[in-house]
C-alpha atoms as a PDB file:
ATOM      1  CA  MET A   1      55.502 -58.260-125.776  1.00  0.00           C
ATOM      2  CA  LEU A   2      58.362 -58.679-123.368  1.00  0.00           C
ATOM      3  CA  VAL A   3      61.638 -59.904-125.509  1.00  0.00           C
ATOM      4  CA  TRP A   4      64.402 -61.418-124.343  1.00  0.00           C
ATOM      5  CA  ARG A   5      67.829 -63.331-125.173  1.00  0.00           C
ATOM      6  CA  MET A   6      70.397 -65.073-122.824  1.00  0.00           C
ATOM      7  CA  GLU A   7      74.127 -66.085-123.197  1.00  0.00           C
ATOM      8  CA  PHE A   8      75.109 -69.630-121.718  1.00  0.00           C
ATOM      9  CA  GLU A   9      78.795 -69.672-120.564  1.00  0.00           C
ATOM     10  CA  ASP A  10      80.181 -72.578-117.807  1.00  0.00           C
ATOM     11  CA  GLN A  11      77.609 -75.147-116.873  1.00  0.00           C
ATOM     12  CA  ASN A  12      75.098 -74.208-119.101  1.00  0.00           C
ATOM     13  CA  ILE A  13      74.105 -71.523-116.263  1.00  0.00           C
ATOM     14  CA  PRO A  14      72.955 -68.139-118.483  1.00  0.00           C
ATOM     15  CA  LYS A  15      74.722 -65.131-115.497  1.00  0.00           C
ATOM     16  CA  TYR A  16      72.426 -62.097-117.327  1.00  0.00           C
ATOM     17  CA  VAL A  17      69.129 -62.310-119.262  1.00  0.00           C
ATOM     18  CA  TYR A  18      68.603 -58.889-122.377  1.00  0.00           C
ATOM     19  CA  ALA A  19      65.705 -58.360-122.084  1.00  0.00           C
ATOM     20  CA  ASN A  20      62.893 -54.838-123.132  1.00  0.00           C
ATOM     21  CA  ASP A  21      61.494 -52.311-120.553  1.00  0.00           C
ATOM     22  CA  LEU A  22      58.150 -54.342-120.763  1.00  0.00           C
ATOM     23  CA  TYR A  23      60.144 -57.809-119.649  1.00  0.00           C
ATOM     24  CA  GLY A  24      61.650 -55.915-116.086  1.00  0.00           C
ATOM     25  CA  GLU A  25      58.225 -54.131-115.565  1.00  0.00           C
ATOM     26  CA  VAL A  26      55.386 -57.313-115.764  1.00  0.00           C
ATOM     27  CA  LEU A  27      57.683 -58.689-113.490  1.00  0.00           C
ATOM     28  CA  GLY A  28      58.781 -56.560-111.147  1.00  0.00           C
ATOM     29  CA  LEU A  29      62.491 -56.810-112.416  1.00  0.00           C
ATOM     30  CA  ASP A  30      65.160 -54.613-111.187  1.00  0.00           C
ATOM     31  CA  PHE A  31      68.201 -54.044-114.003  1.00  0.00           C
ATOM     32  CA  VAL A  32      71.631 -54.199-113.363  1.00  0.00           C
ATOM     33  CA  LYS A  33      72.237 -52.063-116.467  1.00  0.00           C
ATOM     34  CA  LYS A  34      70.727 -50.808-119.524  1.00  0.00           C
ATOM     35  CA  ASN A  35      68.505 -54.253-120.055  1.00  0.00           C
ATOM     36  CA  ILE A  36      70.109 -56.458-118.485  1.00  0.00           C
ATOM     37  CA  ILE A  37      68.450 -58.661-115.013  1.00  0.00           C
ATOM     38  CA  LEU A  38      70.347 -60.805-113.447  1.00  0.00           C
ATOM     39  CA  TYR A  39      69.236 -64.788-114.382  1.00  0.00           C
ATOM     40  CA  SER A  40      68.787 -65.799-111.172  1.00  0.00           C
ATOM     41  CA  ASP A  41      66.081 -62.813-110.079  1.00  0.00           C
ATOM     42  CA  LEU A  42      64.267 -64.125-113.148  1.00  0.00           C
ATOM     43  CA  LEU A  43      63.964 -67.573-111.407  1.00  0.00           C
ATOM     44  CA  ASN A  44      62.717 -65.947-108.290  1.00  0.00           C
ATOM     45  CA  THR A  45      59.606 -64.768-110.226  1.00  0.00           C
ATOM     46  CA  ALA A  46      57.753 -67.763-109.924  1.00  0.00           C
ATOM     47  CA  TYR A  47      54.725 -67.819-108.353  1.00  0.00           C
ATOM     48  CA  PRO A  48      54.550 -69.199-104.393  1.00  0.00           C
ATOM     49  CA  ASP A  49      52.405 -71.770-105.163  1.00  0.00           C
ATOM     50  CA  ASP A  50      51.902 -75.242-106.846  1.00  0.00           C
ATOM     51  CA  GLU A  51      50.905 -74.215-109.855  1.00  0.00           C
ATOM     52  CA  GLY A  52      53.897 -71.329-109.855  1.00  0.00           C
ATOM     53  CA  LYS A  53      56.421 -73.069-109.286  1.00  0.00           C
ATOM     54  CA  ASN A  54      55.212 -76.438-111.520  1.00  0.00           C
ATOM     55  CA  SER A  55      55.078 -74.398-114.800  1.00  0.00           C
ATOM     56  CA  MET A  56      58.717 -73.053-114.092  1.00  0.00           C
ATOM     57  CA  GLY A  57      59.781 -76.123-113.560  1.00  0.00           C
ATOM     58  CA  ALA A  58      58.831 -77.664-116.678  1.00  0.00           C
ATOM     59  CA  LEU A  59      60.227 -74.049-118.400  1.00  0.00           C
ATOM     60  CA  LEU A  60      63.570 -75.216-116.439  1.00  0.00           C
ATOM     61  CA  GLN A  61      63.376 -78.839-118.048  1.00  0.00           C
ATOM     62  CA  ASN A  62      62.566 -77.732-121.794  1.00  0.00           C
ATOM     63  CA  PHE A  63      65.905 -76.191-121.480  1.00  0.00           C
ATOM     64  CA  GLY A  64      67.465 -79.338-120.387  1.00  0.00           C
ATOM     65  CA  LYS A  65      65.900 -81.142-123.036  1.00  0.00           C
ATOM     66  CA  ALA A  66      67.340 -77.903-125.451  1.00  0.00           C
ATOM     67  CA  THR A  67      70.513 -79.542-124.423  1.00  0.00           C
ATOM     68  CA  THR A  68      70.526 -82.984-125.551  1.00  0.00           C
ATOM     69  CA  ASP A  69      67.995 -82.910-128.105  1.00  0.00           C
ATOM     70  CA  LEU A  70      69.112 -80.587-130.394  1.00  0.00           C
ATOM     71  CA  SER A  71      66.744 -80.029-132.601  1.00  0.00           C
ATOM     72  CA  PHE A  72      64.303 -78.930-129.761  1.00  0.00           C
ATOM     73  CA  ASN A  73      62.548 -75.435-129.311  1.00  0.00           C
ATOM     74  CA  PHE A  74      59.599 -74.713-128.129  1.00  0.00           C
ATOM     75  CA  PHE A  75      56.360 -72.671-127.832  1.00  0.00           C
ATOM     76  CA  ASN A  76      53.140 -71.957-126.138  1.00  0.00           C
ATOM     77  CA  GLN A  77      54.844 -72.785-122.651  1.00  0.00           C
ATOM     78  CA  LEU A  78      52.461 -71.154-119.945  1.00  0.00           C
ATOM     79  CA  VAL A  79      54.175 -69.650-116.288  1.00  0.00           C
ATOM     80  CA  LYS A  80      52.335 -68.648-113.908  1.00  0.00           C
ATOM     81  CA  HIS A  81      55.138 -66.094-112.638  1.00  0.00           C
ATOM     82  CA  GLN A  82      54.740 -63.266-109.642  1.00  0.00           C
ATOM     83  CA  ASN A  83      55.143 -59.404-109.870  1.00  0.00           C
ATOM     84  CA  LEU A  84      58.664 -59.131-107.420  1.00  0.00           C
ATOM     85  CA  LYS A  85      57.036 -55.820-106.434  1.00  0.00           C
ATOM     86  CA  THR A  86      53.201 -55.964-106.722  1.00  0.00           C
ATOM     87  CA  LYS A  87      53.577 -59.241-105.461  1.00  0.00           C
ATOM     88  CA  GLU A  88      50.395 -60.313-108.201  1.00  0.00           C
ATOM     89  CA  SER A  89      50.184 -63.480-110.777  1.00  0.00           C
ATOM     90  CA  VAL A  90      51.108 -62.941-114.011  1.00  0.00           C
ATOM     91  CA  TYR A  91      50.446 -65.361-116.864  1.00  0.00           C
ATOM     92  CA  LEU A  92      53.550 -65.423-119.450  1.00  0.00           C
ATOM     93  CA  ASP A  93      53.353 -67.377-122.261  1.00  0.00           C
ATOM     94  CA  HIS A  94      56.913 -68.213-123.127  1.00  0.00           C
ATOM     95  CA  PHE A  95      58.122 -68.668-126.895  1.00  0.00           C
ATOM     96  CA  THR A  96      61.667 -69.834-127.136  1.00  0.00           C
ATOM     97  CA  SER A  97      63.781 -70.803-129.308  1.00  0.00           C
ATOM     98  CA  ILE A  98      67.564 -71.947-129.424  1.00  0.00           C
ATOM     99  CA  GLU A  99      69.643 -69.541-131.602  1.00  0.00           C
ATOM    100  CA  LYS A 100      73.474 -71.072-131.314  1.00  0.00           C
ATOM    101  CA  ARG A 101      74.470 -74.326-129.454  1.00  0.00           C
ATOM    102  CA  TYR A 102      78.852 -74.442-128.673  1.00  0.00           C
ATOM    103  CA  PRO A 103      80.006 -77.562-131.090  1.00  0.00           C
ATOM    104  CA  ASP A 104      79.434 -80.343-127.984  1.00  0.00           C
ATOM    105  CA  GLY A 105      75.430 -79.028-128.295  1.00  0.00           C
ATOM    106  CA  SER A 106      75.493 -77.423-125.457  1.00  0.00           C
ATOM    107  CA  LEU A 107      73.343 -74.348-125.236  1.00  0.00           C
ATOM    108  CA  LYS A 108      74.867 -70.905-125.984  1.00  0.00           C
ATOM    109  CA  VAL A 109      72.558 -68.395-127.007  1.00  0.00           C
ATOM    110  CA  VAL A 110      68.334 -68.693-126.499  1.00  0.00           C
ATOM    111  CA  GLY A 111      66.128 -65.664-127.274  1.00  0.00           C
ATOM    112  CA  GLY A 112      62.445 -65.625-127.123  1.00  0.00           C
ATOM    113  CA  TYR A 113      59.026 -63.087-127.266  1.00  0.00           C
ATOM    114  CA  ILE A 114      56.898 -63.378-124.168  1.00  0.00           C
ATOM    115  CA  ILE A 115      53.011 -62.849-123.904  1.00  0.00           C
ATOM    116  CA  ASN A 116      51.334 -61.023-121.394  1.00  0.00           C
ATOM    117  CA  ILE A 117      47.992 -63.090-121.293  1.00  0.00           C
ATOM    118  CA  THR A 118      46.848 -61.887-117.572  1.00  0.00           C
ATOM    119  CA  ASP A 119      43.726 -60.393-118.333  1.00  0.00           C
ATOM    120  CA  SER A 120      42.698 -63.503-120.814  1.00  0.00           C
ATOM    121  CA  TYR A 121      43.470 -66.163-118.896  1.00  0.00           C
ATOM    122  CA  LYS A 122      42.127 -64.672-116.091  1.00  0.00           C
ATOM    123  CA  MET A 123      38.883 -63.969-117.305  1.00  0.00           C
ATOM    124  CA  SER A 124      39.120 -67.210-118.983  1.00  0.00           C
ATOM    125  CA  LYS A 125      39.152 -68.740-115.440  1.00  0.00           C
ATOM    126  CA  HIS A 126      36.187 -66.474-114.261  1.00  0.00           C
ATOM    127  CA  ASN A 127      34.021 -67.393-117.751  1.00  0.00           C
ATOM    128  CA  ILE A 128      34.325 -71.348-116.724  1.00  0.00           C
ATOM    129  CA  GLU A 129      32.540 -70.533-112.884  1.00  0.00           C
ATOM    130  CA  LEU A 130      30.135 -68.468-114.293  1.00  0.00           C
ATOM    131  CA  GLN A 131      29.350 -71.140-116.872  1.00  0.00           C
ATOM    132  CA  LEU A 132      29.411 -73.713-113.550  1.00  0.00           C
ATOM    133  CA  GLU A 133      27.748 -71.217-111.772  1.00  0.00           C
ATOM    134  CA  ASN A 134      25.228 -71.109-114.499  1.00  0.00           C
ATOM    135  CA  ILE A 135      24.634 -74.811-115.239  1.00  0.00           C
ATOM    136  CA  LYS A 136      23.654 -75.248-111.808  1.00  0.00           C
ATOM    137  CA  LEU A 137      20.906 -72.561-111.392  1.00  0.00           C
ATOM    138  CA  ALA A 138      19.468 -74.280-114.457  1.00  0.00           C
ATOM    139  CA  ARG A 139      19.176 -77.136-112.736  1.00  0.00           C
ATOM    140  CA  ALA A 140      17.099 -75.709-110.117  1.00  0.00           C
ATOM    141  CA  GLU A 141      15.048 -74.129-112.682  1.00  0.00           C
ATOM    142  CA  ARG A 142      14.609 -78.177-114.295  1.00  0.00           C
ATOM    143  CA  LEU A 143      13.554 -79.008-110.937  1.00  0.00           C
ATOM    144  CA  ALA A 144      11.242 -75.747-109.857  1.00  0.00           C
ATOM    145  CA  ILE A 145       9.537 -76.451-112.832  1.00  0.00           C
ATOM    146  CA  LYS A 146       8.639 -80.080-112.026  1.00  0.00           C
ATOM    147  CA  SER A 147       7.716 -79.691-108.798  1.00  0.00           C
ATOM    148  CA  GLY A 148       4.899 -76.758-108.932  1.00  0.00           C
ATOM    149  CA  LYS A 149       4.092 -75.107-105.952  1.00  0.00           C
ATOM    150  CA  VAL A 150       7.285 -76.537-104.420  1.00  0.00           C
ATOM    151  CA  MET A 151       9.861 -74.286-103.265  1.00  0.00           C
ATOM    152  CA  VAL A 152      13.644 -75.632-104.589  1.00  0.00           C
ATOM    153  CA  TRP A 153      16.670 -74.742-102.980  1.00  0.00           C
ATOM    154  CA  PHE A 154      19.902 -76.507-102.761  1.00  0.00           C
ATOM    155  CA  LEU A 155      23.508 -76.128-100.751  1.00  0.00           C
ATOM    156  CA  ASP A 156      26.279 -76.062-101.806  1.00  0.00           C
END
């Protein structure tokens, strides 16, 4: 489990992410000090495809919503990240809680935890591919049985 915390300063932009060692390892981030990562480095972990950019954008939009909606917390926010050292995709499920606000309602302290679901996510996608292949094979088998002695093939 990746654990993190951010303190927002001027302009609602945090400078650092306080995180456990696993956080840096999974995302391939270097700590500037013990358990401190630059917020700007975290933003660079969005996977460089549409899925990664869109999921990171949705996460950042939720931070914006939390600024205006005082009761807003967000959970189960799936983001496709990239480990900056290995360049591999990493699927992380973000759970975020607003811990403190400034008197005007803006964010002061935000924290949460993240679950690395990369293996289960990739396995789920692979299972869907296998299910689709099974449907094609079952269709071919039904055609072969109906046709008798005729060879049946299909081109994908």
